[in-house]
Amino acid sequence: MQPPSSDDHDSKPTQAQIDLAMLFMTDLHVGSERLYKIKRKGTALNLSYEVDGELHQRSYLSALSWRAILLFALTEGKIITVHEMDHPGRYRRLFPETLLRCLRWHARPNANFPPVARLYDPNGNAVLLLTRTRLCGHAVDALHNLTDAGPVFQPLWVSDIMALRPMLGIDLIRDEAFSATMPISAYLEAGVMTGKIVEEPELAELPLTGNVSRLDAPPSSKAVASVFDQAHREHPVLAGLRSRTIYDDYLLYRSNVK
């Protein structure tokens, strides 16, 4: 991703810049608190990755560390390839290449496809429905119930999803039998209506009208926002993206969206 020069205020933002803006405007909350503030003491996320072909293996104590590395590497136009996250093999079990290809295919404007994948905790109540990728697979859009405030629809760093196991003990697995037929707009409307993630066939029993109100999304913390602030000072085109939300990339009966 090559951002425009700092004096090019009229440049149109790239999709990668749009993705970064949205990711830095919201934070993943688990329960009532942000992920990076409630991690278990002494835990870390192990990563194996390449930056422009140079291999790195690191253990990050905070989810913010990896976000900052991605932000600055991507804004400099570098290519990042992730090989492992958490313990060996888990990243590709949760996000196999076939799934990432399907999620990439859904990453198009004005989409309203059914969710592509379902991740869940067999030992708890956590559920995430994934609809598309962002940032070349470094992030995904997800409808999830990790917060205390009800379902949330937001872009999430894949690293944050992977960090839930080592940092909080939420051991997500992929539901290999999952196959959705109803569009994500139905899940979103049902989420507003019921305050939970409703799964098929219960969706078909609800009196859905196509009136898709927006679910509340938790704001980013000052720490997360400050990282993005530094980037948009260098690239002013990013500042105009502060009001953009995940809903702007979906065709969800826009005339009825509140």
Foldseek 3Di string as FASTA:
>chain_A
DEFDFQVCQPDDDDQQLLQLLQQLFFADDFAAHGLQVQFDPPFWKWWWKDKQRRIDTDTHSGPVVVSLVVVVSVNNVIDMGTDDIHDPPPLCQAPPPVLQVVQAVQQAFAAFAAFRWWKAFPVDGKIWTWRHAHDSRQKTWIFIQRYPQFTATGIDGVNSVSVCCRTPNRDIGIDPVDDDDGTVLLQQQVRVVPRYRDDPPVSVVDPDDLLREHDDGHTHDPVSNVSVVVVCSRRVNSVVSNPDGPCRRHNRVVVRYD
